[in-house]
C-alpha atoms as a PDB file:
ATOM      1  CA  MET A   1      20.315 -10.737   4.663  1.00  0.00           C
ATOM      2  CA  ILE A   2      18.722  -7.716   6.321  1.00  0.00           C
ATOM      3  CA  ASN A   3      20.038  -6.889   9.789  1.00  0.00           C
ATOM      4  CA  LEU A   4      17.032  -5.501  11.655  1.00  0.00           C
ATOM      5  CA  TYR A   5      19.146  -4.769  14.708  1.00  0.00           C
ATOM      6  CA  HIS A   6      20.788  -1.847  12.923  1.00  0.00           C
ATOM      7  CA  MET A   7      17.743  -0.789  10.910  1.00  0.00           C
ATOM      8  CA  ILE A   8      15.111  -0.369  13.604  1.00  0.00           C
ATOM      9  CA  SER A   9      15.728   2.213  16.296  1.00  0.00           C
ATOM     10  CA  ARG A  10      12.332   3.964  16.349  1.00  0.00           C
ATOM     11  CA  ILE A  11       9.032   2.080  16.478  1.00  0.00           C
ATOM     12  CA  LEU A  12       5.753   3.975  16.272  1.00  0.00           C
ATOM     13  CA  ILE A  13       2.705   2.307  17.795  1.00  0.00           C
ATOM     14  CA  PRO A  14      -0.519   4.183  17.058  1.00  0.00           C
ATOM     15  CA  THR A  15      -3.290   3.328  19.508  1.00  0.00           C
ATOM     16  CA  ASP A  16      -7.019   3.904  19.681  1.00  0.00           C
ATOM     17  CA  PHE A  17      -7.068   1.995  22.997  1.00  0.00           C
ATOM     18  CA  SER A  18      -8.824  -1.004  21.419  1.00  0.00           C
ATOM     19  CA  GLU A  19      -7.796  -4.575  22.217  1.00  0.00           C
ATOM     20  CA  SER A  20      -6.243  -4.751  18.770  1.00  0.00           C
ATOM     21  CA  SER A  21      -3.992  -1.785  19.425  1.00  0.00           C
ATOM     22  CA  ARG A  22      -3.067  -3.152  22.869  1.00  0.00           C
ATOM     23  CA  TYR A  23      -2.030  -6.356  21.119  1.00  0.00           C
ATOM     24  CA  ALA A  24       0.067  -4.312  18.671  1.00  0.00           C
ATOM     25  CA  VAL A  25       1.819  -2.686  21.654  1.00  0.00           C
ATOM     26  CA  LYS A  26       2.615  -6.120  23.095  1.00  0.00           C
ATOM     27  CA  TYR A  27       3.890  -7.283  19.716  1.00  0.00           C
ATOM     28  CA  ALA A  28       6.145  -4.227  19.384  1.00  0.00           C
ATOM     29  CA  ILE A  29       7.489  -4.885  22.892  1.00  0.00           C
ATOM     30  CA  ASP A  30       8.386  -8.455  21.897  1.00  0.00           C
ATOM     31  CA  LEU A  31      10.046  -7.170  18.735  1.00  0.00           C
ATOM     32  CA  ASN A  32      12.027  -4.670  20.792  1.00  0.00           C
ATOM     33  CA  ARG A  33      13.144  -7.472  23.107  1.00  0.00           C
ATOM     34  CA  MET A  34      14.557  -9.248  20.049  1.00  0.00           C
ATOM     35  CA  LEU A  35      16.364  -5.998  19.254  1.00  0.00           C
ATOM     36  CA  ARG A  36      17.819  -6.074  22.794  1.00  0.00           C
ATOM     37  CA  HIS A  37      15.760  -3.046  23.855  1.00  0.00           C
ATOM     38  CA  ARG A  38      17.603  -0.944  21.299  1.00  0.00           C
ATOM     39  CA  ALA A  39      14.541   0.735  19.783  1.00  0.00           C
ATOM     40  CA  ARG A  40      12.694   3.678  21.251  1.00  0.00           C
ATOM     41  CA  LEU A  41       8.915   3.184  21.308  1.00  0.00           C
ATOM     42  CA  TYR A  42       6.557   6.004  20.361  1.00  0.00           C
ATOM     43  CA  LEU A  43       3.011   5.436  21.626  1.00  0.00           C
ATOM     44  CA  LEU A  44       0.675   7.747  19.734  1.00  0.00           C
ATOM     45  CA  HIS A  45      -3.020   8.510  20.047  1.00  0.00           C
ATOM     46  CA  VAL A  46      -4.784  10.861  17.662  1.00  0.00           C
ATOM     47  CA  LEU A  47      -7.812  12.654  19.023  1.00  0.00           C
ATOM     48  CA  GLN A  48     -10.326  13.011  16.226  1.00  0.00           C
ATOM     49  CA  ASP A  49     -11.504  16.546  15.511  1.00  0.00           C
ATOM     50  CA  PHE A  50     -15.130  17.318  16.311  1.00  0.00           C
ATOM     51  CA  THR A  51     -15.993  18.526  12.812  1.00  0.00           C
ATOM     52  CA  GLU A  52     -17.933  15.276  12.281  1.00  0.00           C
ATOM     53  CA  PHE A  53     -20.282  16.278  15.081  1.00  0.00           C
ATOM     54  CA  SER A  54     -21.306  19.597  13.527  1.00  0.00           C
ATOM     55  CA  GLU A  55     -24.709  18.149  12.629  1.00  0.00           C
ATOM     56  CA  TYR A  56     -25.583  17.893  16.318  1.00  0.00           C
ATOM     57  CA  ASP A  57     -27.083  20.933  17.959  1.00  0.00           C
ATOM     58  CA  LEU A  58     -24.416  21.498  20.583  1.00  0.00           C
ATOM     59  CA  SER A  59     -23.621  24.848  22.080  1.00  0.00           C
ATOM     60  CA  PRO A  60     -20.276  26.261  20.906  1.00  0.00           C
ATOM     61  CA  THR A  61     -19.333  26.663  24.564  1.00  0.00           C
ATOM     62  CA  ILE A  62     -19.974  22.989  25.352  1.00  0.00           C
ATOM     63  CA  LEU A  63     -17.787  21.525  22.579  1.00  0.00           C
ATOM     64  CA  PRO A  64     -14.475  22.823  23.972  1.00  0.00           C
ATOM     65  CA  GLN A  65     -15.367  21.409  27.400  1.00  0.00           C
ATOM     66  CA  ILE A  66     -16.193  18.003  25.924  1.00  0.00           C
ATOM     67  CA  TYR A  67     -13.034  18.032  23.827  1.00  0.00           C
ATOM     68  CA  LEU A  68     -10.917  18.930  26.874  1.00  0.00           C
ATOM     69  CA  GLU A  69     -12.407  15.976  28.757  1.00  0.00           C
ATOM     70  CA  PHE A  70     -11.600  13.665  25.821  1.00  0.00           C
ATOM     71  CA  GLU A  71      -8.062  15.044  25.749  1.00  0.00           C
ATOM     72  CA  GLN A  72      -7.537  14.529  29.493  1.00  0.00           C
ATOM     73  CA  ASN A  73      -8.970  11.011  29.237  1.00  0.00           C
ATOM     74  CA  ALA A  74      -6.644  10.174  26.331  1.00  0.00           C
ATOM     75  CA  VAL A  75      -3.576  11.379  28.257  1.00  0.00           C
ATOM     76  CA  LYS A  76      -4.629   9.269  31.238  1.00  0.00           C
ATOM     77  CA  ARG A  77      -5.189   6.196  29.060  1.00  0.00           C
ATOM     78  CA  LEU A  78      -1.787   6.620  27.372  1.00  0.00           C
ATOM     79  CA  GLU A  79      -0.127   6.792  30.796  1.00  0.00           C
ATOM     80  CA  GLU A  80      -2.055   3.715  31.970  1.00  0.00           C
ATOM     81  CA  MET A  81      -1.058   1.836  28.821  1.00  0.00           C
ATOM     82  CA  VAL A  82       2.615   2.611  29.410  1.00  0.00           C
ATOM     83  CA  SER A  83       2.519   1.682  33.100  1.00  0.00           C
ATOM     84  CA  SER A  84       0.634  -1.575  32.490  1.00  0.00           C
ATOM     85  CA  LEU A  85       2.339  -2.785  29.293  1.00  0.00           C
ATOM     86  CA  ILE A  86       5.745  -1.190  28.710  1.00  0.00           C
ATOM     87  CA  PRO A  87       8.662  -2.635  30.707  1.00  0.00           C
ATOM     88  CA  GLN A  88      10.552   0.029  32.653  1.00  0.00           C
ATOM     89  CA  GLU A  89      13.807  -0.768  30.874  1.00  0.00           C
ATOM     90  CA  MET A  90      12.326   0.219  27.501  1.00  0.00           C
ATOM     91  CA  HIS A  91      12.363   3.802  26.306  1.00  0.00           C
ATOM     92  CA  CYS A  92       8.831   4.900  25.458  1.00  0.00           C
ATOM     93  CA  GLY A  93       7.351   8.306  24.827  1.00  0.00           C
ATOM     94  CA  THR A  94       3.646   9.109  24.664  1.00  0.00           C
ATOM     95  CA  TYR A  95       2.186  11.524  22.162  1.00  0.00           C
ATOM     96  CA  LEU A  96      -1.282  12.981  21.725  1.00  0.00           C
ATOM     97  CA  LEU A  97      -2.128  14.684  18.454  1.00  0.00           C
ATOM     98  CA  HIS A  98      -5.320  16.203  17.078  1.00  0.00           C
ATOM     99  CA  GLY A  99      -6.723  15.628  13.613  1.00  0.00           C
ATOM    100  CA  VAL A 100      -7.399  12.832  11.164  1.00  0.00           C
ATOM    101  CA  PRO A 101      -5.737   9.700  12.588  1.00  0.00           C
ATOM    102  CA  PHE A 102      -4.108   8.258   9.455  1.00  0.00           C
ATOM    103  CA  HIS A 103      -2.820  11.657   8.355  1.00  0.00           C
ATOM    104  CA  GLU A 104      -1.351  12.504  11.764  1.00  0.00           C
ATOM    105  CA  ILE A 105       0.262   9.061  12.059  1.00  0.00           C
ATOM    106  CA  ILE A 106       1.946   9.441   8.665  1.00  0.00           C
ATOM    107  CA  GLU A 107       3.088  13.003   9.414  1.00  0.00           C
ATOM    108  CA  PHE A 108       4.451  11.958  12.807  1.00  0.00           C
ATOM    109  CA  ALA A 109       6.328   8.998  11.302  1.00  0.00           C
ATOM    110  CA  ASP A 110       7.907  11.257   8.704  1.00  0.00           C
ATOM    111  CA  LYS A 111       8.800  14.046  11.135  1.00  0.00           C
ATOM    112  CA  GLU A 112      10.277  11.720  13.778  1.00  0.00           C
ATOM    113  CA  LYS A 113      12.103   9.538  11.208  1.00  0.00           C
ATOM    114  CA  ILE A 114      10.305   6.413  12.394  1.00  0.00           C
ATOM    115  CA  ASP A 115      11.823   3.135  11.157  1.00  0.00           C
ATOM    116  CA  LEU A 116       8.764   0.923  11.654  1.00  0.00           C
ATOM    117  CA  ILE A 117       5.075   1.416  12.421  1.00  0.00           C
ATOM    118  CA  ALA A 118       3.359  -1.403  14.343  1.00  0.00           C
ATOM    119  CA  ILE A 119      -0.394  -0.954  14.008  1.00  0.00           C
ATOM    120  CA  GLY A 120      -3.416  -3.041  14.937  1.00  0.00           C
ATOM    121  CA  THR A 121      -5.655  -3.858  11.978  1.00  0.00           C
ATOM    122  CA  ARG A 122      -8.926  -3.936  13.850  1.00  0.00           C
ATOM    123  CA  GLY A 123      -9.983  -0.989  15.941  1.00  0.00           C
ATOM    124  CA  ARG A 124     -13.182   0.501  17.149  1.00  0.00           C
ATOM    125  CA  THR A 125     -16.671  -0.645  16.241  1.00  0.00           C
ATOM    126  CA  GLY A 126     -19.946   1.149  15.606  1.00  0.00           C
ATOM    127  CA  LEU A 127     -19.655   4.942  15.539  1.00  0.00           C
ATOM    128  CA  LYS A 128     -16.048   4.678  16.635  1.00  0.00           C
ATOM    129  CA  HIS A 129     -15.364   2.416  13.630  1.00  0.00           C
ATOM    130  CA  ILE A 130     -16.730   5.113  11.328  1.00  0.00           C
ATOM    131  CA  LEU A 131     -14.493   7.730  12.957  1.00  0.00           C
ATOM    132  CA  PHE A 132     -11.335   5.626  12.926  1.00  0.00           C
ATOM    133  CA  GLY A 133     -12.399   3.804   9.733  1.00  0.00           C
ATOM    134  CA  HIS A 134      -9.676   2.177   7.764  1.00  0.00           C
ATOM    135  CA  THR A 135      -6.802   3.895   9.517  1.00  0.00           C
ATOM    136  CA  ALA A 136      -4.449   0.907   9.357  1.00  0.00           C
ATOM    137  CA  GLU A 137      -5.119   0.408   5.649  1.00  0.00           C
ATOM    138  CA  LYS A 138      -4.424   4.064   4.862  1.00  0.00           C
ATOM    139  CA  VAL A 139      -1.271   4.053   6.978  1.00  0.00           C
ATOM    140  CA  VAL A 140       0.007   0.949   5.159  1.00  0.00           C
ATOM    141  CA  LYS A 141      -0.549   2.628   1.794  1.00  0.00           C
ATOM    142  CA  LYS A 142       0.955   6.033   2.619  1.00  0.00           C
ATOM    143  CA  ALA A 143       3.543   5.548   5.369  1.00  0.00           C
ATOM    144  CA  PRO A 144       7.121   6.730   4.792  1.00  0.00           C
ATOM    145  CA  CYS A 145       8.484   3.527   6.378  1.00  0.00           C
ATOM    146  CA  PRO A 146       7.610  -0.179   6.637  1.00  0.00           C
ATOM    147  CA  VAL A 147       4.374  -0.993   8.459  1.00  0.00           C
ATOM    148  CA  LEU A 148       3.821  -4.103  10.520  1.00  0.00           C
ATOM    149  CA  SER A 149       0.072  -4.694  10.491  1.00  0.00           C
ATOM    150  CA  ILE A 150      -0.961  -6.783  13.463  1.00  0.00           C
ATOM    151  CA  ARG A 151      -4.319  -8.485  13.720  1.00  0.00           C
ATOM    152  CA  HIS A 152      -5.540  -9.475  17.158  1.00  0.00           C
ATOM    153  CA  PRO A 153      -5.672 -13.303  17.367  1.00  0.00           C
ATOM    154  CA  ASP A 154      -9.358 -13.215  18.357  1.00  0.00           C
ATOM    155  CA  THR A 155     -10.262 -11.696  14.970  1.00  0.00           C
ATOM    156  CA  GLY A 156      -8.584 -14.418  12.920  1.00  0.00           C
ATOM    157  CA  GLY A 157      -5.923 -13.996  10.299  1.00  0.00           C
ATOM    158  CA  GLY A 158      -2.287 -13.338  10.933  1.00  0.00           C
ATOM    159  CA  ILE A 159       0.414 -10.763  10.893  1.00  0.00           C
ATOM    160  CA  GLY A 160       1.650  -9.027   7.780  1.00  0.00           C
ATOM    161  CA  VAL A 161       4.477  -6.726   6.841  1.00  0.00           C
ATOM    162  CA  GLU A 162       4.101  -3.981   4.261  1.00  0.00           C
ATOM    163  CA  GLY A 163       6.598  -1.468   3.028  1.00  0.00           C
END
């Protein structure tokens, strides 16, 4: 029998601030409670690069300003997520990276020796869906550790473990 108590000490929770990723955070918190608060939580948001917007006629001086605003907003939202969802007795760090979400998540998990990734399976919609695409699917396929894919109950389906 596998003893998760000794196997899981670092849980990565990627977030795009969707309801699905908020649900994944709550699920990881419950899992950590079962582990007696032993695991450290890593809340990660990846800010997509603006290369996809190169087709728009935006001044090169405006893009850095817009990107800085997105960055500041992401930091604020990470802090709000921690203060509203993470119990004070749990160890949680927030991280903001830049790049392609699935790639940065996988690199972060490898670098930080993450034991488990808890990721929501449904994220953004519309243009945001195109940008964040099939992040969860790619993470499941390429992650260096087990991935707990968590579907929000409002979208149907269940919870699955890969890895």
